[in-house]
C-alpha atoms as a PDB file:
ATOM      1  CA  UNK A   1      -7.409 -12.911  -9.515  1.00  0.00           C
ATOM      2  CA  UNK A   2      -5.346 -11.506  -6.663  1.00  0.00           C
ATOM      3  CA  UNK A   3      -5.201  -7.822  -5.838  1.00  0.00           C
ATOM      4  CA  UNK A   4      -1.555  -7.713  -6.959  1.00  0.00           C
ATOM      5  CA  UNK A   5      -2.487  -9.159 -10.357  1.00  0.00           C
ATOM      6  CA  UNK A   6      -5.254  -6.582 -10.726  1.00  0.00           C
ATOM      7  CA  UNK A   7      -2.852  -3.735  -9.948  1.00  0.00           C
ATOM      8  CA  UNK A   8      -0.232  -5.129 -12.341  1.00  0.00           C
ATOM      9  CA  UNK A   9      -2.781  -5.490 -15.153  1.00  0.00           C
ATOM     10  CA  UNK A  10      -3.981  -1.939 -14.610  1.00  0.00           C
ATOM     11  CA  UNK A  11      -0.411  -0.662 -14.515  1.00  0.00           C
ATOM     12  CA  UNK A  12       0.444  -2.550 -17.710  1.00  0.00           C
ATOM     13  CA  UNK A  13      -2.596  -1.162 -19.511  1.00  0.00           C
ATOM     14  CA  UNK A  14      -1.910   2.405 -18.414  1.00  0.00           C
ATOM     15  CA  UNK A  15       1.791   2.046 -19.193  1.00  0.00           C
ATOM     16  CA  UNK A  16       1.196   0.699 -22.659  1.00  0.00           C
ATOM     17  CA  UNK A  17      -1.353   3.427 -23.428  1.00  0.00           C
ATOM     18  CA  UNK A  18       1.054   6.073 -22.138  1.00  0.00           C
ATOM     19  CA  UNK A  19       3.944   4.645 -24.168  1.00  0.00           C
ATOM     20  CA  UNK A  20       1.807   4.464 -27.298  1.00  0.00           C
ATOM     21  CA  UNK A  21       0.871   8.136 -26.979  1.00  0.00           C
ATOM     22  CA  UNK A  22       4.286   9.356 -25.801  1.00  0.00           C
ATOM     23  CA  UNK A  23       6.168   7.673 -28.664  1.00  0.00           C
ATOM     24  CA  UNK A  24       3.976   9.496 -31.189  1.00  0.00           C
ATOM     25  CA  UNK A  25       3.045   6.825 -33.686  1.00  0.00           C
ATOM     26  CA  UNK A  26       2.882   7.926 -37.337  1.00  0.00           C
ATOM     27  CA  UNK A  27      -0.329   9.705 -38.179  1.00  0.00           C
ATOM     28  CA  UNK A  28      -1.033  10.824 -34.610  1.00  0.00           C
ATOM     29  CA  UNK A  29       0.022  14.370 -33.798  1.00  0.00           C
ATOM     30  CA  UNK A  30      -1.081  15.566 -30.395  1.00  0.00           C
ATOM     31  CA  UNK A  31      -1.345  19.286 -29.667  1.00  0.00           C
ATOM     32  CA  UNK A  32       1.456  20.754 -27.532  1.00  0.00           C
ATOM     33  CA  UNK A  33      -0.624  21.164 -24.331  1.00  0.00           C
ATOM     34  CA  UNK A  34      -1.611  17.490 -24.440  1.00  0.00           C
ATOM     35  CA  UNK A  35       1.984  16.399 -24.936  1.00  0.00           C
ATOM     36  CA  UNK A  36       3.161  18.607 -22.071  1.00  0.00           C
ATOM     37  CA  UNK A  37       0.601  17.007 -19.754  1.00  0.00           C
ATOM     38  CA  UNK A  38       1.265  13.503 -21.082  1.00  0.00           C
ATOM     39  CA  UNK A  39       5.008  13.300 -20.489  1.00  0.00           C
ATOM     40  CA  UNK A  40       4.999  13.753 -16.661  1.00  0.00           C
ATOM     41  CA  UNK A  41       1.850  11.608 -16.270  1.00  0.00           C
ATOM     42  CA  UNK A  42       3.689   8.611 -14.688  1.00  0.00           C
ATOM     43  CA  UNK A  43       5.074  10.917 -12.010  1.00  0.00           C
ATOM     44  CA  UNK A  44       1.594  12.314 -11.314  1.00  0.00           C
ATOM     45  CA  UNK A  45       0.207   8.792 -11.035  1.00  0.00           C
ATOM     46  CA  UNK A  46       3.001   7.789  -8.663  1.00  0.00           C
ATOM     47  CA  UNK A  47       2.235  10.748  -6.404  1.00  0.00           C
ATOM     48  CA  UNK A  48      -1.491   9.962  -6.542  1.00  0.00           C
ATOM     49  CA  UNK A  49      -0.793   6.333  -5.631  1.00  0.00           C
ATOM     50  CA  UNK A  50       1.318   7.475  -2.667  1.00  0.00           C
ATOM     51  CA  UNK A  51      -1.499   9.740  -1.456  1.00  0.00           C
ATOM     52  CA  UNK A  52      -3.996   6.906  -1.841  1.00  0.00           C
ATOM     53  CA  UNK A  53      -1.713   4.548   0.096  1.00  0.00           C
ATOM     54  CA  UNK A  54      -1.233   7.029   2.936  1.00  0.00           C
ATOM     55  CA  UNK A  55      -4.965   7.699   3.132  1.00  0.00           C
ATOM     56  CA  UNK A  56      -5.745   3.974   3.199  1.00  0.00           C
ATOM     57  CA  UNK A  57      -3.205   3.268   5.939  1.00  0.00           C
ATOM     58  CA  UNK A  58      -4.461   6.246   7.955  1.00  0.00           C
ATOM     59  CA  UNK A  59      -8.093   5.163   7.630  1.00  0.00           C
ATOM     60  CA  UNK A  60      -7.334   1.557   8.582  1.00  0.00           C
ATOM     61  CA  UNK A  61      -5.283   2.736  11.547  1.00  0.00           C
ATOM     62  CA  UNK A  62      -8.063   5.057  12.716  1.00  0.00           C
ATOM     63  CA  UNK A  63     -10.702   2.316  12.498  1.00  0.00           C
ATOM     64  CA  UNK A  64      -8.562  -0.462  14.003  1.00  0.00           C
ATOM     65  CA  UNK A  65     -10.558  -2.544  16.496  1.00  0.00           C
ATOM     66  CA  UNK A  66      -9.260  -3.381  19.962  1.00  0.00           C
ATOM     67  CA  UNK A  67      -9.364  -7.023  21.018  1.00  0.00           C
ATOM     68  CA  UNK A  68      -9.957  -6.938  24.773  1.00  0.00           C
ATOM     69  CA  UNK A  69     -10.217 -10.732  25.076  1.00  0.00           C
ATOM     70  CA  UNK A  70      -6.950 -11.304  23.225  1.00  0.00           C
ATOM     71  CA  UNK A  71      -5.186  -8.678  25.356  1.00  0.00           C
ATOM     72  CA  UNK A  72      -6.408 -10.321  28.573  1.00  0.00           C
ATOM     73  CA  UNK A  73      -5.324 -13.747  27.306  1.00  0.00           C
ATOM     74  CA  UNK A  74      -1.889 -12.411  26.412  1.00  0.00           C
ATOM     75  CA  UNK A  75      -1.515 -10.826  29.871  1.00  0.00           C
ATOM     76  CA  UNK A  76      -2.395 -14.178  31.443  1.00  0.00           C
ATOM     77  CA  UNK A  77       0.252 -15.941  29.331  1.00  0.00           C
ATOM     78  CA  UNK A  78       2.802 -13.357  30.457  1.00  0.00           C
ATOM     79  CA  UNK A  79       1.891 -13.927  34.140  1.00  0.00           C
ATOM     80  CA  UNK A  80       2.229 -17.698  33.730  1.00  0.00           C
ATOM     81  CA  UNK A  81       5.575 -17.372  31.928  1.00  0.00           C
ATOM     82  CA  UNK A  82       6.951 -15.054  34.635  1.00  0.00           C
ATOM     83  CA  UNK A  83       5.835 -17.453  37.363  1.00  0.00           C
ATOM     84  CA  UNK A  84       7.552 -20.364  35.613  1.00  0.00           C
ATOM     85  CA  UNK A  85      10.741 -18.338  35.160  1.00  0.00           C
ATOM     86  CA  UNK A  86      10.719 -17.336  38.841  1.00  0.00           C
ATOM     87  CA  UNK A  87      10.474 -21.016  39.775  1.00  0.00           C
ATOM     88  CA  UNK A  88      13.569 -21.674  37.662  1.00  0.00           C
ATOM     89  CA  UNK A  89      15.526 -18.967  39.436  1.00  0.00           C
ATOM     90  CA  UNK A  90      15.220 -15.945  37.142  1.00  0.00           C
ATOM     91  CA  UNK A  91      14.422 -12.717  38.976  1.00  0.00           C
ATOM     92  CA  UNK A  92      12.868  -9.626  37.332  1.00  0.00           C
END
């Protein structure tokens, strides 16, 4: 199962549970404080997901590895390309 499918399943389960409680099925009467916390719950979850996403991107950016060999290889390709372009008459 892909990560997207896992997130969608979790979102569907939470959404259906929220809808079932927010629509107040017959025989289920929640106290007022629970209802007041339940109604803005999707907004709270959206904010929490945004915080999680920012933290994940920040962590991955902070622990990003440098690839010295790949950088040197890329610089060599650039030198070769410039030399070929100079031979064809393009000046930098």
